[in-house]
């Protein structure tokens, strides 16, 4: 029975290490992640795949066919469920942190765009005020010229 557990664990490690949900070789993970983060992502990726369903179905089928001790199976499944829950919570926390960082970056970019828009609006407002002042000066000069033309016509 001990060799069966080792064989099952070896296959599990092999599948987790080398397969993703499509059955292709995994892409290299970013080098900035810690070893534990990589391991958590790897386990979570495997647990969310059909490979996990197939492996677990085969494992339970073999266990039942060879009529191994059900108490050991119950204990191992319970222990596995505990670890699966922990790994999925860790993956969820990492995803939430990544989402929070992305939202913070987007807020920062939005704030920068808003500040740029405000500066452009202020500049446009100053230019519009300058245009209005020039128009007013031109109207005054036109009025003065019109008076001069009228006085010359008389």
C-alpha atoms as a PDB file:
ATOM      1  CA  UNK A   1       0.000   0.000   0.000  1.00  0.00           C
ATOM      2  CA  UNK A   2       2.887   2.359   0.697  1.00  0.00           C
ATOM      3  CA  UNK A   3       4.253   1.949  -2.833  1.00  0.00           C
ATOM      4  CA  UNK A   4       0.776   2.700  -4.212  1.00  0.00           C
ATOM      5  CA  UNK A   5       0.682   6.008  -2.320  1.00  0.00           C
ATOM      6  CA  UNK A   6       4.150   6.900  -3.605  1.00  0.00           C
ATOM      7  CA  UNK A   7       3.149   6.022  -7.165  1.00  0.00           C
ATOM      8  CA  UNK A   8      -0.036   8.096  -6.891  1.00  0.00           C
ATOM      9  CA  UNK A   9       1.892  11.036  -5.444  1.00  0.00           C
ATOM     10  CA  UNK A  10       4.559  10.721  -8.145  1.00  0.00           C
ATOM     11  CA  UNK A  11       1.939  10.851 -10.904  1.00  0.00           C
ATOM     12  CA  UNK A  12       0.228  13.778  -9.218  1.00  0.00           C
ATOM     13  CA  UNK A  13       3.498  15.714  -9.007  1.00  0.00           C
ATOM     14  CA  UNK A  14       4.288  14.850 -12.638  1.00  0.00           C
ATOM     15  CA  UNK A  15       0.917  16.075 -13.871  1.00  0.00           C
ATOM     16  CA  UNK A  16       1.023  19.231 -11.751  1.00  0.00           C
ATOM     17  CA  UNK A  17       4.566  20.010 -12.793  1.00  0.00           C
ATOM     18  CA  UNK A  18       4.250  19.529 -16.523  1.00  0.00           C
ATOM     19  CA  UNK A  19       0.646  19.955 -17.573  1.00  0.00           C
ATOM     20  CA  UNK A  20      -1.769  22.849 -17.723  1.00  0.00           C
ATOM     21  CA  UNK A  21      -5.496  22.711 -18.402  1.00  0.00           C
ATOM     22  CA  UNK A  22      -4.983  22.167 -22.151  1.00  0.00           C
ATOM     23  CA  UNK A  23      -2.555  19.306 -21.699  1.00  0.00           C
ATOM     24  CA  UNK A  24       0.328  21.336 -23.145  1.00  0.00           C
ATOM     25  CA  UNK A  25       3.646  22.113 -21.549  1.00  0.00           C
ATOM     26  CA  UNK A  26       3.356  25.035 -19.182  1.00  0.00           C
ATOM     27  CA  UNK A  27       4.743  28.438 -20.066  1.00  0.00           C
ATOM     28  CA  UNK A  28       7.517  29.667 -17.802  1.00  0.00           C
ATOM     29  CA  UNK A  29       6.216  31.653 -14.855  1.00  0.00           C
ATOM     30  CA  UNK A  30       7.409  35.199 -14.229  1.00  0.00           C
ATOM     31  CA  UNK A  31      10.745  35.314 -12.447  1.00  0.00           C
ATOM     32  CA  UNK A  32       9.482  37.918 -10.002  1.00  0.00           C
ATOM     33  CA  UNK A  33       7.218  35.441  -8.226  1.00  0.00           C
ATOM     34  CA  UNK A  34       8.452  33.636  -5.168  1.00  0.00           C
ATOM     35  CA  UNK A  35       8.787  29.879  -5.220  1.00  0.00           C
ATOM     36  CA  UNK A  36       5.755  29.468  -2.985  1.00  0.00           C
ATOM     37  CA  UNK A  37       3.673  31.776  -5.197  1.00  0.00           C
ATOM     38  CA  UNK A  38       4.698  29.738  -8.239  1.00  0.00           C
ATOM     39  CA  UNK A  39       3.785  26.538  -6.443  1.00  0.00           C
ATOM     40  CA  UNK A  40       0.418  27.972  -5.370  1.00  0.00           C
ATOM     41  CA  UNK A  41      -0.347  29.086  -8.930  1.00  0.00           C
ATOM     42  CA  UNK A  42       0.664  25.691 -10.261  1.00  0.00           C
ATOM     43  CA  UNK A  43      -1.524  23.795  -7.799  1.00  0.00           C
ATOM     44  CA  UNK A  44      -4.483  26.150  -8.349  1.00  0.00           C
ATOM     45  CA  UNK A  45      -4.108  25.843 -12.100  1.00  0.00           C
ATOM     46  CA  UNK A  46      -4.135  22.070 -11.842  1.00  0.00           C
ATOM     47  CA  UNK A  47      -7.074  21.962  -9.435  1.00  0.00           C
ATOM     48  CA  UNK A  48      -9.149  24.067 -11.799  1.00  0.00           C
ATOM     49  CA  UNK A  49      -8.609  21.715 -14.730  1.00  0.00           C
ATOM     50  CA  UNK A  50     -10.126  18.549 -16.115  1.00  0.00           C
ATOM     51  CA  UNK A  51      -6.848  16.825 -15.351  1.00  0.00           C
ATOM     52  CA  UNK A  52      -7.678  17.080 -11.660  1.00  0.00           C
ATOM     53  CA  UNK A  53     -11.053  15.461 -12.252  1.00  0.00           C
ATOM     54  CA  UNK A  54      -9.499  12.643 -14.293  1.00  0.00           C
ATOM     55  CA  UNK A  55      -6.666  12.010 -11.820  1.00  0.00           C
ATOM     56  CA  UNK A  56      -8.998  11.962  -8.827  1.00  0.00           C
ATOM     57  CA  UNK A  57     -11.484   9.709 -10.596  1.00  0.00           C
ATOM     58  CA  UNK A  58      -8.712   7.274 -11.498  1.00  0.00           C
ATOM     59  CA  UNK A  59      -7.277   7.413  -7.993  1.00  0.00           C
ATOM     60  CA  UNK A  60     -10.623   6.668  -6.327  1.00  0.00           C
ATOM     61  CA  UNK A  61     -11.437   3.964  -8.883  1.00  0.00           C
ATOM     62  CA  UNK A  62      -8.133   2.177  -8.297  1.00  0.00           C
ATOM     63  CA  UNK A  63      -8.620   2.506  -4.547  1.00  0.00           C
ATOM     64  CA  UNK A  64     -12.072   0.941  -4.743  1.00  0.00           C
ATOM     65  CA  UNK A  65     -11.084  -1.783  -7.236  1.00  0.00           C
ATOM     66  CA  UNK A  66      -8.182  -2.976  -5.110  1.00  0.00           C
ATOM     67  CA  UNK A  67     -10.341  -2.659  -1.992  1.00  0.00           C
ATOM     68  CA  UNK A  68      -7.818  -0.674   0.043  1.00  0.00           C
ATOM     69  CA  UNK A  69      -8.676   0.550   3.537  1.00  0.00           C
ATOM     70  CA  UNK A  70     -11.545   3.076   3.382  1.00  0.00           C
ATOM     71  CA  UNK A  71     -10.438   4.804   6.589  1.00  0.00           C
ATOM     72  CA  UNK A  72      -7.124   5.697   4.966  1.00  0.00           C
ATOM     73  CA  UNK A  73      -8.960   6.937   1.865  1.00  0.00           C
ATOM     74  CA  UNK A  74     -11.291   9.051   3.996  1.00  0.00           C
ATOM     75  CA  UNK A  75      -8.370  10.462   5.956  1.00  0.00           C
ATOM     76  CA  UNK A  76      -6.345  11.246   2.812  1.00  0.00           C
ATOM     77  CA  UNK A  77      -9.316  12.863   1.052  1.00  0.00           C
ATOM     78  CA  UNK A  78     -10.051  14.995   4.122  1.00  0.00           C
ATOM     79  CA  UNK A  79      -6.434  16.053   4.364  1.00  0.00           C
ATOM     80  CA  UNK A  80      -6.355  16.796   0.645  1.00  0.00           C
ATOM     81  CA  UNK A  81      -9.522  18.902   0.958  1.00  0.00           C
ATOM     82  CA  UNK A  82      -7.890  20.970   3.690  1.00  0.00           C
ATOM     83  CA  UNK A  83      -4.839  21.653   1.542  1.00  0.00           C
ATOM     84  CA  UNK A  84      -6.917  22.327  -1.569  1.00  0.00           C
ATOM     85  CA  UNK A  85      -8.938  24.887   0.387  1.00  0.00           C
ATOM     86  CA  UNK A  86      -5.766  26.560   1.611  1.00  0.00           C
ATOM     87  CA  UNK A  87      -4.203  26.666  -1.878  1.00  0.00           C
ATOM     88  CA  UNK A  88      -7.367  28.061  -3.441  1.00  0.00           C
ATOM     89  CA  UNK A  89      -7.644  30.744  -0.753  1.00  0.00           C
ATOM     90  CA  UNK A  90      -4.006  31.699  -1.295  1.00  0.00           C
ATOM     91  CA  UNK A  91      -4.591  31.905  -5.064  1.00  0.00           C
ATOM     92  CA  UNK A  92      -7.713  33.979  -4.462  1.00  0.00           C
ATOM     93  CA  UNK A  93      -5.785  36.348  -2.197  1.00  0.00           C
ATOM     94  CA  UNK A  94      -3.057  36.739  -4.819  1.00  0.00           C
ATOM     95  CA  UNK A  95      -5.650  37.432  -7.511  1.00  0.00           C
ATOM     96  CA  UNK A  96      -7.317  40.003  -5.260  1.00  0.00           C
ATOM     97  CA  UNK A  97      -3.976  41.706  -4.583  1.00  0.00           C
ATOM     98  CA  UNK A  98      -3.249  41.807  -8.320  1.00  0.00           C
ATOM     99  CA  UNK A  99      -6.700  43.274  -8.980  1.00  0.00           C
ATOM    100  CA  UNK A 100      -6.192  45.892  -6.251  1.00  0.00           C
ATOM    101  CA  UNK A 101      -2.810  46.877  -7.714  1.00  0.00           C
ATOM    102  CA  UNK A 102      -4.338  47.161 -11.176  1.00  0.00           C
ATOM    103  CA  UNK A 103      -7.198  49.311  -9.865  1.00  0.00           C
ATOM    104  CA  UNK A 104      -4.737  51.554  -8.011  1.00  0.00           C
ATOM    105  CA  UNK A 105      -2.676  51.936 -11.189  1.00  0.00           C
ATOM    106  CA  UNK A 106      -5.835  52.778 -13.173  1.00  0.00           C
ATOM    107  CA  UNK A 107      -6.912  55.329 -10.548  1.00  0.00           C
ATOM    108  CA  UNK A 108      -3.462  56.917 -10.704  1.00  0.00           C
ATOM    109  CA  UNK A 109      -3.649  57.092 -14.502  1.00  0.00           C
ATOM    110  CA  UNK A 110      -7.167  58.526 -14.312  1.00  0.00           C
ATOM    111  CA  UNK A 111      -5.992  61.141 -11.813  1.00  0.00           C
ATOM    112  CA  UNK A 112      -3.098  62.084 -14.108  1.00  0.00           C
ATOM    113  CA  UNK A 113      -5.461  62.370 -17.103  1.00  0.00           C
ATOM    114  CA  UNK A 114      -7.859  64.464 -15.044  1.00  0.00           C
ATOM    115  CA  UNK A 115      -5.066  66.813 -13.959  1.00  0.00           C
ATOM    116  CA  UNK A 116      -3.946  67.144 -17.587  1.00  0.00           C
ATOM    117  CA  UNK A 117      -7.525  67.854 -18.661  1.00  0.00           C
ATOM    118  CA  UNK A 118      -7.866  70.531 -15.961  1.00  0.00           C
ATOM    119  CA  UNK A 119      -4.615  72.175 -17.074  1.00  0.00           C
ATOM    120  CA  UNK A 120      -5.770  72.139 -20.695  1.00  0.00           C
ATOM    121  CA  UNK A 121      -9.148  73.577 -19.698  1.00  0.00           C
ATOM    122  CA  UNK A 122      -7.460  76.363 -17.719  1.00  0.00           C
ATOM    123  CA  UNK A 123      -5.176  77.114 -20.662  1.00  0.00           C
ATOM    124  CA  UNK A 124      -8.130  77.183 -23.065  1.00  0.00           C
ATOM    125  CA  UNK A 125      -9.995  79.449 -20.652  1.00  0.00           C
ATOM    126  CA  UNK A 126      -7.040  81.863 -20.501  1.00  0.00           C
ATOM    127  CA  UNK A 127      -6.785  81.853 -24.302  1.00  0.00           C
ATOM    128  CA  UNK A 128     -10.527  82.495 -24.628  1.00  0.00           C
ATOM    129  CA  UNK A 129     -10.300  85.402 -22.178  1.00  0.00           C
ATOM    130  CA  UNK A 130      -7.385  86.805 -24.199  1.00  0.00           C
ATOM    131  CA  UNK A 131      -9.407  86.487 -27.426  1.00  0.00           C
ATOM    132  CA  UNK A 132     -12.352  88.283 -25.792  1.00  0.00           C
ATOM    133  CA  UNK A 133     -10.021  91.080 -24.598  1.00  0.00           C
ATOM    134  CA  UNK A 134      -8.563  91.438 -28.095  1.00  0.00           C
ATOM    135  CA  UNK A 135     -12.084  91.545 -29.575  1.00  0.00           C
ATOM    136  CA  UNK A 136     -13.093  94.217 -27.078  1.00  0.00           C
ATOM    137  CA  UNK A 137      -9.987  96.280 -27.946  1.00  0.00           C
ATOM    138  CA  UNK A 138     -10.701  95.831 -31.659  1.00  0.00           C
ATOM    139  CA  UNK A 139     -14.317  96.932 -31.158  1.00  0.00           C
ATOM    140  CA  UNK A 140     -13.125 100.030 -29.301  1.00  0.00           C
ATOM    141  CA  UNK A 141     -10.608 100.779 -32.054  1.00  0.00           C
ATOM    142  CA  UNK A 142     -13.289 100.160 -34.715  1.00  0.00           C
ATOM    143  CA  UNK A 143     -15.632 102.527 -32.869  1.00  0.00           C
ATOM    144  CA  UNK A 144     -12.923 105.171 -32.760  1.00  0.00           C
ATOM    145  CA  UNK A 145     -12.144 104.677 -36.469  1.00  0.00           C
ATOM    146  CA  UNK A 146     -15.843 104.873 -37.358  1.00  0.00           C
ATOM    147  CA  UNK A 147     -16.117 108.181 -35.489  1.00  0.00           C
ATOM    148  CA  UNK A 148     -13.040 109.453 -37.327  1.00  0.00           C
ATOM    149  CA  UNK A 149     -14.427 108.368 -40.712  1.00  0.00           C
ATOM    150  CA  UNK A 150     -17.749 110.071 -39.940  1.00  0.00           C
ATOM    151  CA  UNK A 151     -15.967 113.240 -38.916  1.00  0.00           C
ATOM    152  CA  UNK A 152     -13.906 113.187 -42.128  1.00  0.00           C
ATOM    153  CA  UNK A 153     -17.019 112.669 -44.278  1.00  0.00           C
ATOM    154  CA  UNK A 154     -18.639 115.815 -42.849  1.00  0.00           C
END
